[in-house]
Amino acid sequence: MRTLAITGGTGFVGTHLLRLAVEQGFDVRALTRGWKPPEDEIAWVEGALDRPDTLEKLCDGAEAVIHVGGAVNGGAALFEAVNVGGTANMIDAARRTGVRRFIHVSSLSAREPGLSAYGRSKLRSERLVAASGLDWTIVRPPAVYGPGDRDMFELFRMARRGVVGLPPAGRFSLIHAEDLCRLLLALLDDPDSWSEIYEPDDGREGGWEHRHFARTVARIYGRRALALSMPKPVLHIASALDRLVRRGKARLTADRVGYLCHPDWVVTAERKPPARLWTPEVRTPTGLKDTADWYREQGWLR
């Protein structure tokens, strides 16, 4: 049985990845900050991206690394420490333990590093991976959604109420977490993907226009949403209010406003994964309905 070393396994995408990896017969070793009870299918390694000794333990004996872990909320210092420093530590651990295959989950925001500290940190992490000398592949997901996602929850809540506040006019791509994770696993045995950067999506040509997407979500609840595009200054005010109310748990950070207002987050056609390797399976309306059902089951939306 092949052994995978996975970071970020306790997060939204990582949870889906662990389940699919186990279903596909992999022996999974996953990093966790806090103690977890032993599982038959998953060997939990207690550690963190800033503890190199635990990363070596994670990688020792593995055939490949899938590096999902990182910080998505916070400030520039946190992004630098976790997304850049943590990636450097994972590369070092892979080298020291002889793991050649390294799949790095970055972000589409790395394409426009001038817009956010998060995007800059992801681009810096990509450069470290590209210079590592390992057999690497970088995946830049667009917006990721699915059961377990917290980032898109606010949009679902607004859509259910019938009024959705949106960024300025623009288009974006998205992908269901399960489709993203199927791609990560498909890459493992594909040498043609070495030294490539891929931008996967749900297969919708030209991406989604903000208003159309909001109305698609609202239809799940049998509503016709009033979609309101908000200018950047208003989003900055909303960000300040979010920080005031939720403090460190704020979702609409000032950094996030920077890239939300960019008009084009559609994946690049030339960087889409080859169809021989992977194509998306989850139809977005179906995936959105499943996500809405999950929110309801968890008691988040009634």
C-alpha atoms as a PDB file:
ATOM      1  CA  MET A   1       0.000   0.000   0.000  1.00  0.00           C
ATOM      2  CA  ARG A   2       1.369   3.419  -0.963  1.00  0.00           C
ATOM      3  CA  THR A   3       1.898   6.009   1.747  1.00  0.00           C
ATOM      4  CA  LEU A   4       0.968   9.667   1.350  1.00  0.00           C
ATOM      5  CA  ALA A   5       2.114  12.482   3.629  1.00  0.00           C
ATOM      6  CA  ILE A   6      -0.592  15.145   3.779  1.00  0.00           C
ATOM      7  CA  THR A   7      -0.635  18.547   5.454  1.00  0.00           C
ATOM      8  CA  GLY A   8      -3.829  20.496   6.080  1.00  0.00           C
ATOM      9  CA  GLY A   9      -5.782  17.299   6.663  1.00  0.00           C
ATOM     10  CA  THR A  10      -7.854  18.812   9.450  1.00  0.00           C
ATOM     11  CA  GLY A  11      -9.087  21.685   7.251  1.00  0.00           C
ATOM     12  CA  PHE A  12     -11.907  21.971   4.751  1.00  0.00           C
ATOM     13  CA  VAL A  13     -10.102  20.704   1.622  1.00  0.00           C
ATOM     14  CA  GLY A  14      -7.912  18.342   3.593  1.00  0.00           C
ATOM     15  CA  THR A  15     -10.882  16.549   5.134  1.00  0.00           C
ATOM     16  CA  HIS A  16     -12.190  15.729   1.660  1.00  0.00           C
ATOM     17  CA  LEU A  17      -8.705  14.715   0.524  1.00  0.00           C
ATOM     18  CA  LEU A  18      -8.163  12.282   3.393  1.00  0.00           C
ATOM     19  CA  ARG A  19     -11.470  10.563   2.751  1.00  0.00           C
ATOM     20  CA  LEU A  20     -10.867  10.185  -0.986  1.00  0.00           C
ATOM     21  CA  ALA A  21      -7.279   8.998  -0.454  1.00  0.00           C
ATOM     22  CA  VAL A  22      -8.461   6.298   1.935  1.00  0.00           C
ATOM     23  CA  GLU A  23     -11.227   5.279  -0.499  1.00  0.00           C
ATOM     24  CA  GLN A  24      -8.591   4.925  -3.234  1.00  0.00           C
ATOM     25  CA  GLY A  25      -6.527   2.600  -1.057  1.00  0.00           C
ATOM     26  CA  PHE A  26      -3.705   4.881   0.049  1.00  0.00           C
ATOM     27  CA  ASP A  27      -2.003   4.572   3.410  1.00  0.00           C
ATOM     28  CA  VAL A  28      -2.440   8.100   4.735  1.00  0.00           C
ATOM     29  CA  ARG A  29      -0.212   9.952   7.168  1.00  0.00           C
ATOM     30  CA  ALA A  30      -1.637  13.353   8.143  1.00  0.00           C
ATOM     31  CA  LEU A  31      -0.375  16.289  10.182  1.00  0.00           C
ATOM     32  CA  THR A  32      -2.425  17.545  13.121  1.00  0.00           C
ATOM     33  CA  ARG A  33      -1.750  20.306  15.644  1.00  0.00           C
ATOM     34  CA  GLY A  34      -3.742  18.618  18.388  1.00  0.00           C
ATOM     35  CA  TRP A  35      -3.841  14.984  19.464  1.00  0.00           C
ATOM     36  CA  LYS A  36      -6.272  12.788  17.578  1.00  0.00           C
ATOM     37  CA  PRO A  37      -7.290   9.228  18.441  1.00  0.00           C
ATOM     38  CA  PRO A  38      -5.723   6.510  16.266  1.00  0.00           C
ATOM     39  CA  GLU A  39      -7.640   5.475  13.165  1.00  0.00           C
ATOM     40  CA  ASP A  40      -7.276   2.330  11.075  1.00  0.00           C
ATOM     41  CA  GLU A  41      -7.004   4.252   7.803  1.00  0.00           C
ATOM     42  CA  ILE A  42      -5.134   7.396   8.916  1.00  0.00           C
ATOM     43  CA  ALA A  43      -1.927   7.741  10.931  1.00  0.00           C
ATOM     44  CA  TRP A  44      -2.078  11.140  12.628  1.00  0.00           C
ATOM     45  CA  VAL A  45       1.271  12.822  13.244  1.00  0.00           C
ATOM     46  CA  GLU A  46       1.106  15.497  15.914  1.00  0.00           C
ATOM     47  CA  GLY A  47       3.086  18.523  14.795  1.00  0.00           C
ATOM     48  CA  ALA A  48       3.034  21.767  12.857  1.00  0.00           C
ATOM     49  CA  LEU A  49       4.564  23.455   9.821  1.00  0.00           C
ATOM     50  CA  ASP A  50       6.957  25.355  12.092  1.00  0.00           C
ATOM     51  CA  ARG A  51       8.226  22.166  13.781  1.00  0.00           C
ATOM     52  CA  PRO A  52      10.665  20.565  11.300  1.00  0.00           C
ATOM     53  CA  ASP A  53      11.193  17.447  13.402  1.00  0.00           C
ATOM     54  CA  THR A  54       7.502  16.561  13.146  1.00  0.00           C
ATOM     55  CA  LEU A  55       7.518  17.177   9.403  1.00  0.00           C
ATOM     56  CA  GLU A  56      10.350  14.673   8.989  1.00  0.00           C
ATOM     57  CA  LYS A  57       8.301  12.157  10.955  1.00  0.00           C
ATOM     58  CA  LEU A  58       5.354  12.890   8.655  1.00  0.00           C
ATOM     59  CA  CYS A  59       7.411  12.342   5.493  1.00  0.00           C
ATOM     60  CA  ASP A  60       9.582   9.424   6.593  1.00  0.00           C
ATOM     61  CA  GLY A  61       8.642   6.394   4.506  1.00  0.00           C
ATOM     62  CA  ALA A  62       6.124   8.253   2.354  1.00  0.00           C
ATOM     63  CA  GLU A  63       6.182   8.076  -1.436  1.00  0.00           C
ATOM     64  CA  ALA A  64       4.659  11.513  -2.006  1.00  0.00           C
ATOM     65  CA  VAL A  65       3.735  14.734  -0.240  1.00  0.00           C
ATOM     66  CA  ILE A  66       0.507  16.656  -0.849  1.00  0.00           C
ATOM     67  CA  HIS A  67       0.979  20.012   0.822  1.00  0.00           C
ATOM     68  CA  VAL A  68      -2.448  21.535   1.453  1.00  0.00           C
ATOM     69  CA  GLY A  69      -1.792  23.235   4.778  1.00  0.00           C
ATOM     70  CA  GLY A  70      -1.571  27.006   5.042  1.00  0.00           C
ATOM     71  CA  ALA A  71      -3.125  30.174   6.434  1.00  0.00           C
ATOM     72  CA  VAL A  72      -6.018  31.807   4.572  1.00  0.00           C
ATOM     73  CA  ASN A  73      -7.011  34.394   7.179  1.00  0.00           C
ATOM     74  CA  GLY A  74      -4.680  36.773   8.977  1.00  0.00           C
ATOM     75  CA  GLY A  75      -2.055  39.357   8.226  1.00  0.00           C
ATOM     76  CA  ALA A  76       1.129  39.535   6.178  1.00  0.00           C
ATOM     77  CA  ALA A  77       3.351  38.222   8.997  1.00  0.00           C
ATOM     78  CA  LEU A  78       1.184  35.134   9.493  1.00  0.00           C
ATOM     79  CA  PHE A  79       1.010  34.453   5.755  1.00  0.00           C
ATOM     80  CA  GLU A  80       4.790  34.749   5.488  1.00  0.00           C
ATOM     81  CA  ALA A  81       5.386  32.437   8.435  1.00  0.00           C
ATOM     82  CA  VAL A  82       2.865  29.746   7.497  1.00  0.00           C
ATOM     83  CA  ASN A  83       2.515  29.847   3.715  1.00  0.00           C
ATOM     84  CA  VAL A  84       6.138  30.639   2.903  1.00  0.00           C
ATOM     85  CA  GLY A  85       8.033  29.360   5.928  1.00  0.00           C
ATOM     86  CA  GLY A  86       5.834  26.288   6.282  1.00  0.00           C
ATOM     87  CA  THR A  87       6.307  25.373   2.633  1.00  0.00           C
ATOM     88  CA  ALA A  88      10.082  25.780   2.968  1.00  0.00           C
ATOM     89  CA  ASN A  89      10.024  23.440   5.972  1.00  0.00           C
ATOM     90  CA  MET A  90       7.964  20.863   4.074  1.00  0.00           C
ATOM     91  CA  ILE A  91      10.395  20.958   1.151  1.00  0.00           C
ATOM     92  CA  ASP A  92      13.308  20.440   3.523  1.00  0.00           C
ATOM     93  CA  ALA A  93      11.542  17.521   5.225  1.00  0.00           C
ATOM     94  CA  ALA A  94      10.824  15.873   1.877  1.00  0.00           C
ATOM     95  CA  ARG A  95      14.446  16.240   0.816  1.00  0.00           C
ATOM     96  CA  ARG A  96      15.836  14.880   4.067  1.00  0.00           C
ATOM     97  CA  THR A  97      13.569  11.821   3.957  1.00  0.00           C
ATOM     98  CA  GLY A  98      14.041  11.127   0.252  1.00  0.00           C
ATOM     99  CA  VAL A  99      10.499  11.950  -0.907  1.00  0.00           C
ATOM    100  CA  ARG A 100      10.667  13.089  -4.529  1.00  0.00           C
ATOM    101  CA  ARG A 101       7.024  13.693  -5.461  1.00  0.00           C
ATOM    102  CA  PHE A 102       5.707  16.993  -4.110  1.00  0.00           C
ATOM    103  CA  ILE A 103       2.257  18.372  -4.928  1.00  0.00           C
ATOM    104  CA  HIS A 104       1.714  21.898  -3.696  1.00  0.00           C
ATOM    105  CA  VAL A 105      -1.714  23.483  -3.307  1.00  0.00           C
ATOM    106  CA  SER A 106      -1.336  27.188  -3.943  1.00  0.00           C
ATOM    107  CA  SER A 107      -4.089  29.641  -4.930  1.00  0.00           C
ATOM    108  CA  LEU A 108      -5.275  31.497  -7.993  1.00  0.00           C
ATOM    109  CA  SER A 109      -4.483  34.649  -6.000  1.00  0.00           C
ATOM    110  CA  ALA A 110      -0.780  33.984  -6.674  1.00  0.00           C
ATOM    111  CA  ARG A 111      -1.467  35.170 -10.217  1.00  0.00           C
ATOM    112  CA  GLU A 112      -2.004  38.736  -8.941  1.00  0.00           C
ATOM    113  CA  PRO A 113       0.399  39.105  -6.002  1.00  0.00           C
ATOM    114  CA  GLY A 114       0.057  42.870  -5.923  1.00  0.00           C
ATOM    115  CA  LEU A 115      -3.534  42.645  -4.717  1.00  0.00           C
ATOM    116  CA  SER A 116      -3.082  40.915  -1.375  1.00  0.00           C
ATOM    117  CA  ALA A 117      -0.530  39.761   1.160  1.00  0.00           C
ATOM    118  CA  TYR A 118      -2.094  36.313   0.882  1.00  0.00           C
ATOM    119  CA  GLY A 119      -1.482  36.204  -2.868  1.00  0.00           C
ATOM    120  CA  ARG A 120       2.112  37.374  -2.406  1.00  0.00           C
ATOM    121  CA  SER A 121       2.757  34.646   0.139  1.00  0.00           C
ATOM    122  CA  LYS A 122       1.340  32.009  -2.182  1.00  0.00           C
ATOM    123  CA  LEU A 123       3.505  33.184  -5.072  1.00  0.00           C
ATOM    124  CA  ARG A 124       6.575  33.087  -2.839  1.00  0.00           C
ATOM    125  CA  SER A 125       5.681  29.551  -1.788  1.00  0.00           C
ATOM    126  CA  GLU A 126       5.376  28.546  -5.452  1.00  0.00           C
ATOM    127  CA  ARG A 127       8.838  29.902  -6.176  1.00  0.00           C
ATOM    128  CA  LEU A 128      10.288  27.831  -3.358  1.00  0.00           C
ATOM    129  CA  VAL A 129       8.634  24.700  -4.733  1.00  0.00           C
ATOM    130  CA  ALA A 130       9.796  25.417  -8.289  1.00  0.00           C
ATOM    131  CA  ALA A 131      13.386  25.799  -7.059  1.00  0.00           C
ATOM    132  CA  SER A 132      13.273  22.725  -4.815  1.00  0.00           C
ATOM    133  CA  GLY A 133      14.718  20.197  -7.249  1.00  0.00           C
ATOM    134  CA  LEU A 134      11.840  17.848  -6.408  1.00  0.00           C
ATOM    135  CA  ASP A 135       9.344  16.326  -8.845  1.00  0.00           C
ATOM    136  CA  TRP A 136       6.790  19.030  -8.192  1.00  0.00           C
ATOM    137  CA  THR A 137       3.392  20.073  -9.453  1.00  0.00           C
ATOM    138  CA  ILE A 138       1.620  23.251  -8.337  1.00  0.00           C
ATOM    139  CA  VAL A 139      -2.172  23.493  -8.307  1.00  0.00           C
ATOM    140  CA  ARG A 140      -3.815  26.927  -8.123  1.00  0.00           C
ATOM    141  CA  PRO A 141      -7.454  26.411  -7.146  1.00  0.00           C
ATOM    142  CA  PRO A 142      -9.966  29.205  -7.661  1.00  0.00           C
ATOM    143  CA  ALA A 143     -12.743  29.588  -5.061  1.00  0.00           C
ATOM    144  CA  VAL A 144     -13.305  26.166  -3.477  1.00  0.00           C
ATOM    145  CA  TYR A 145     -16.746  25.231  -2.156  1.00  0.00           C
ATOM    146  CA  GLY A 146     -18.532  22.185  -0.827  1.00  0.00           C
ATOM    147  CA  PRO A 147     -19.745  20.658   2.446  1.00  0.00           C
ATOM    148  CA  GLY A 148     -17.559  21.931   5.276  1.00  0.00           C
ATOM    149  CA  ASP A 149     -16.707  25.260   3.638  1.00  0.00           C
ATOM    150  CA  ARG A 150     -16.969  28.367   5.807  1.00  0.00           C
ATOM    151  CA  ASP A 151     -15.819  31.029   3.361  1.00  0.00           C
ATOM    152  CA  MET A 152     -18.877  30.821   1.116  1.00  0.00           C
ATOM    153  CA  PHE A 153     -21.344  30.394   3.955  1.00  0.00           C
ATOM    154  CA  GLU A 154     -22.079  34.119   4.199  1.00  0.00           C
ATOM    155  CA  LEU A 155     -23.148  34.199   0.555  1.00  0.00           C
ATOM    156  CA  PHE A 156     -25.546  31.288   1.133  1.00  0.00           C
ATOM    157  CA  ARG A 157     -27.000  33.034   4.170  1.00  0.00           C
ATOM    158  CA  MET A 158     -27.570  36.251   2.239  1.00  0.00           C
ATOM    159  CA  ALA A 159     -29.065  34.355  -0.702  1.00  0.00           C
ATOM    160  CA  ARG A 160     -31.510  32.631   1.614  1.00  0.00           C
ATOM    161  CA  ARG A 161     -32.631  36.033   2.854  1.00  0.00           C
ATOM    162  CA  GLY A 162     -33.016  37.278  -0.703  1.00  0.00           C
ATOM    163  CA  VAL A 163     -30.474  40.133  -0.673  1.00  0.00           C
ATOM    164  CA  VAL A 164     -26.831  39.463  -1.602  1.00  0.00           C
ATOM    165  CA  GLY A 165     -24.028  41.981  -1.241  1.00  0.00           C
ATOM    166  CA  LEU A 166     -21.395  41.407  -3.911  1.00  0.00           C
ATOM    167  CA  PRO A 167     -17.995  42.795  -4.940  1.00  0.00           C
ATOM    168  CA  PRO A 168     -17.846  45.146  -7.939  1.00  0.00           C
ATOM    169  CA  ALA A 169     -18.766  43.580 -11.284  1.00  0.00           C
ATOM    170  CA  GLY A 170     -16.501  40.760 -12.338  1.00  0.00           C
ATOM    171  CA  ARG A 171     -16.176  37.072 -13.101  1.00  0.00           C
ATOM    172  CA  PHE A 172     -14.625  34.184 -11.223  1.00  0.00           C
ATOM    173  CA  SER A 173     -14.078  30.457 -11.429  1.00  0.00           C
ATOM    174  CA  LEU A 174     -14.778  27.937  -8.714  1.00  0.00           C
ATOM    175  CA  ILE A 175     -14.371  24.232  -8.026  1.00  0.00           C
ATOM    176  CA  HIS A 176     -15.968  21.683  -5.733  1.00  0.00           C
ATOM    177  CA  ALA A 177     -13.620  20.361  -3.050  1.00  0.00           C
ATOM    178  CA  GLU A 178     -14.067  16.762  -4.192  1.00  0.00           C
ATOM    179  CA  ASP A 179     -13.122  17.604  -7.782  1.00  0.00           C
ATOM    180  CA  LEU A 180     -10.026  19.426  -6.531  1.00  0.00           C
ATOM    181  CA  CYS A 181      -9.011  16.469  -4.376  1.00  0.00           C
ATOM    182  CA  ARG A 182      -9.540  13.992  -7.196  1.00  0.00           C
ATOM    183  CA  LEU A 183      -7.113  16.070  -9.246  1.00  0.00           C
ATOM    184  CA  LEU A 184      -4.508  16.086  -6.472  1.00  0.00           C
ATOM    185  CA  LEU A 185      -4.622  12.302  -6.290  1.00  0.00           C
ATOM    186  CA  ALA A 186      -4.630  11.871 -10.083  1.00  0.00           C
ATOM    187  CA  LEU A 187      -1.400  13.862 -10.296  1.00  0.00           C
ATOM    188  CA  LEU A 188       0.569  11.452  -8.144  1.00  0.00           C
ATOM    189  CA  ASP A 189       1.466   9.017 -10.917  1.00  0.00           C
ATOM    190  CA  ASP A 190       1.610  11.435 -13.825  1.00  0.00           C
ATOM    191  CA  PRO A 191       5.214  12.367 -14.714  1.00  0.00           C
ATOM    192  CA  ASP A 192       3.942  14.617 -17.516  1.00  0.00           C
ATOM    193  CA  SER A 193       2.631  16.922 -14.791  1.00  0.00           C
ATOM    194  CA  TRP A 194       6.060  17.454 -13.218  1.00  0.00           C
ATOM    195  CA  SER A 195       7.105  21.122 -13.197  1.00  0.00           C
ATOM    196  CA  GLU A 196       3.622  22.238 -14.261  1.00  0.00           C
ATOM    197  CA  ILE A 197       1.262  24.801 -12.738  1.00  0.00           C
ATOM    198  CA  TYR A 198      -2.422  23.919 -13.133  1.00  0.00           C
ATOM    199  CA  GLU A 199      -5.562  26.024 -12.660  1.00  0.00           C
ATOM    200  CA  PRO A 200      -8.610  23.717 -12.403  1.00  0.00           C
ATOM    201  CA  ASP A 201     -12.266  24.741 -12.302  1.00  0.00           C
ATOM    202  CA  ASP A 202     -15.817  23.397 -12.571  1.00  0.00           C
ATOM    203  CA  GLY A 203     -15.703  23.338 -16.373  1.00  0.00           C
ATOM    204  CA  ARG A 204     -17.806  26.458 -16.883  1.00  0.00           C
ATOM    205  CA  GLU A 205     -16.291  28.328 -19.833  1.00  0.00           C
ATOM    206  CA  GLY A 206     -15.610  31.944 -18.938  1.00  0.00           C
ATOM    207  CA  GLY A 207     -16.386  31.400 -15.258  1.00  0.00           C
ATOM    208  CA  TRP A 208     -19.297  32.855 -13.311  1.00  0.00           C
ATOM    209  CA  GLU A 209     -20.518  36.434 -13.296  1.00  0.00           C
ATOM    210  CA  HIS A 210     -21.070  37.524  -9.686  1.00  0.00           C
ATOM    211  CA  ARG A 211     -24.762  38.349 -10.058  1.00  0.00           C
ATOM    212  CA  HIS A 212     -25.559  35.167 -11.951  1.00  0.00           C
ATOM    213  CA  PHE A 213     -23.842  33.071  -9.308  1.00  0.00           C
ATOM    214  CA  ALA A 214     -25.719  34.779  -6.464  1.00  0.00           C
ATOM    215  CA  ARG A 215     -29.027  34.177  -8.232  1.00  0.00           C
ATOM    216  CA  THR A 216     -28.106  30.531  -8.816  1.00  0.00           C
ATOM    217  CA  VAL A 217     -27.532  30.069  -5.080  1.00  0.00           C
ATOM    218  CA  ALA A 218     -30.775  31.898  -4.232  1.00  0.00           C
ATOM    219  CA  ARG A 219     -32.772  29.527  -6.458  1.00  0.00           C
ATOM    220  CA  ILE A 220     -31.795  26.692  -4.125  1.00  0.00           C
ATOM    221  CA  TYR A 221     -33.991  28.382  -1.530  1.00  0.00           C
ATOM    222  CA  GLY A 222     -36.745  29.207  -3.999  1.00  0.00           C
ATOM    223  CA  ARG A 223     -35.918  32.906  -3.955  1.00  0.00           C
ATOM    224  CA  ARG A 224     -35.121  35.587  -6.491  1.00  0.00           C
ATOM    225  CA  ALA A 225     -32.153  37.372  -4.993  1.00  0.00           C
ATOM    226  CA  LEU A 226     -31.583  41.089  -5.143  1.00  0.00           C
ATOM    227  CA  ALA A 227     -27.867  41.186  -6.029  1.00  0.00           C
ATOM    228  CA  LEU A 228     -26.138  44.418  -5.023  1.00  0.00           C
ATOM    229  CA  SER A 229     -22.632  45.187  -6.258  1.00  0.00           C
ATOM    230  CA  MET A 230     -20.781  47.180  -3.596  1.00  0.00           C
ATOM    231  CA  PRO A 231     -17.897  49.531  -4.408  1.00  0.00           C
ATOM    232  CA  LYS A 232     -14.521  48.910  -2.830  1.00  0.00           C
ATOM    233  CA  PRO A 233     -14.808  51.676  -0.173  1.00  0.00           C
ATOM    234  CA  VAL A 234     -18.050  50.128   1.090  1.00  0.00           C
ATOM    235  CA  LEU A 235     -16.381  46.714   1.314  1.00  0.00           C
ATOM    236  CA  HIS A 236     -13.575  48.256   3.362  1.00  0.00           C
ATOM    237  CA  ILE A 237     -16.176  49.651   5.776  1.00  0.00           C
ATOM    238  CA  ALA A 238     -17.828  46.229   5.951  1.00  0.00           C
ATOM    239  CA  SER A 239     -14.408  44.714   6.620  1.00  0.00           C
ATOM    240  CA  ALA A 240     -13.808  47.102   9.524  1.00  0.00           C
ATOM    241  CA  LEU A 241     -17.214  46.226  10.993  1.00  0.00           C
ATOM    242  CA  ASP A 242     -16.521  42.504  10.612  1.00  0.00           C
ATOM    243  CA  ARG A 243     -13.217  42.929  12.413  1.00  0.00           C
ATOM    244  CA  LEU A 244     -14.925  44.929  15.164  1.00  0.00           C
ATOM    245  CA  VAL A 245     -17.578  42.268  15.711  1.00  0.00           C
ATOM    246  CA  ARG A 246     -15.649  39.034  15.113  1.00  0.00           C
ATOM    247  CA  ARG A 247     -12.124  40.288  15.834  1.00  0.00           C
ATOM    248  CA  GLY A 248      -9.617  37.565  14.934  1.00  0.00           C
ATOM    249  CA  LYS A 249     -12.368  35.398  13.403  1.00  0.00           C
ATOM    250  CA  ALA A 250     -13.390  38.029  10.841  1.00  0.00           C
ATOM    251  CA  ARG A 251     -13.882  36.564   7.356  1.00  0.00           C
ATOM    252  CA  LEU A 252     -14.000  39.790   5.339  1.00  0.00           C
ATOM    253  CA  THR A 253     -10.482  41.013   6.076  1.00  0.00           C
ATOM    254  CA  ALA A 254      -8.960  44.115   4.516  1.00  0.00           C
ATOM    255  CA  ASP A 255      -6.536  41.823   2.681  1.00  0.00           C
ATOM    256  CA  ARG A 256      -9.417  39.814   1.252  1.00  0.00           C
ATOM    257  CA  VAL A 257     -11.169  42.952   0.010  1.00  0.00           C
ATOM    258  CA  GLY A 258      -8.151  43.593  -2.216  1.00  0.00           C
ATOM    259  CA  TYR A 259      -8.582  40.479  -4.280  1.00  0.00           C
ATOM    260  CA  LEU A 260     -12.375  40.281  -4.072  1.00  0.00           C
ATOM    261  CA  CYS A 261     -12.512  43.531  -6.046  1.00  0.00           C
ATOM    262  CA  HIS A 262     -10.347  42.236  -8.882  1.00  0.00           C
ATOM    263  CA  PRO A 263     -12.639  41.789 -11.926  1.00  0.00           C
ATOM    264  CA  ASP A 264     -11.084  38.623 -13.373  1.00  0.00           C
ATOM    265  CA  TRP A 265     -10.534  35.508 -11.294  1.00  0.00           C
ATOM    266  CA  VAL A 266     -11.289  33.133 -14.160  1.00  0.00           C
ATOM    267  CA  VAL A 267      -8.776  30.317 -14.601  1.00  0.00           C
ATOM    268  CA  THR A 268      -6.387  30.509 -17.530  1.00  0.00           C
ATOM    269  CA  ALA A 269      -7.346  28.112 -20.322  1.00  0.00           C
ATOM    270  CA  GLU A 270      -3.701  27.279 -21.041  1.00  0.00           C
ATOM    271  CA  ARG A 271      -3.193  26.163 -17.441  1.00  0.00           C
ATOM    272  CA  LYS A 272      -6.176  23.835 -17.174  1.00  0.00           C
ATOM    273  CA  PRO A 273      -5.214  20.232 -16.341  1.00  0.00           C
ATOM    274  CA  PRO A 274      -5.183  17.949 -19.403  1.00  0.00           C
ATOM    275  CA  ALA A 275      -8.471  16.146 -19.979  1.00  0.00           C
ATOM    276  CA  ARG A 276      -6.675  12.798 -20.282  1.00  0.00           C
ATOM    277  CA  LEU A 277      -5.728  13.206 -16.617  1.00  0.00           C
ATOM    278  CA  TRP A 278      -8.758  14.855 -15.022  1.00  0.00           C
ATOM    279  CA  THR A 279     -12.078  16.534 -15.731  1.00  0.00           C
ATOM    280  CA  PRO A 280     -14.535  17.935 -13.169  1.00  0.00           C
ATOM    281  CA  GLU A 281     -17.385  15.623 -12.236  1.00  0.00           C
ATOM    282  CA  VAL A 282     -19.523  17.742  -9.924  1.00  0.00           C
ATOM    283  CA  ARG A 283     -22.093  19.929 -11.691  1.00  0.00           C
ATOM    284  CA  THR A 284     -22.019  23.236  -9.868  1.00  0.00           C
ATOM    285  CA  PRO A 285     -25.809  23.563  -9.276  1.00  0.00           C
ATOM    286  CA  THR A 286     -25.771  20.064  -7.759  1.00  0.00           C
ATOM    287  CA  GLY A 287     -22.700  20.859  -5.673  1.00  0.00           C
ATOM    288  CA  LEU A 288     -24.260  24.075  -4.413  1.00  0.00           C
ATOM    289  CA  LYS A 289     -27.432  22.209  -3.416  1.00  0.00           C
ATOM    290  CA  ASP A 290     -25.375  19.606  -1.532  1.00  0.00           C
ATOM    291  CA  THR A 291     -23.490  22.396   0.226  1.00  0.00           C
ATOM    292  CA  ALA A 292     -26.718  24.151   1.200  1.00  0.00           C
ATOM    293  CA  ASP A 293     -28.076  20.843   2.538  1.00  0.00           C
ATOM    294  CA  TRP A 294     -24.927  20.416   4.620  1.00  0.00           C
ATOM    295  CA  TYR A 295     -25.299  23.904   6.117  1.00  0.00           C
ATOM    296  CA  ARG A 296     -28.869  23.051   7.067  1.00  0.00           C
ATOM    297  CA  GLU A 297     -27.891  19.679   8.570  1.00  0.00           C
ATOM    298  CA  GLN A 298     -25.246  21.387  10.695  1.00  0.00           C
ATOM    299  CA  GLY A 299     -27.798  23.879  11.953  1.00  0.00           C
ATOM    300  CA  TRP A 300     -26.041  26.817  10.306  1.00  0.00           C
ATOM    301  CA  LEU A 301     -29.084  27.643   8.165  1.00  0.00           C
ATOM    302  CA  ARG A 302     -32.585  26.637   9.102  1.00  0.00           C
END
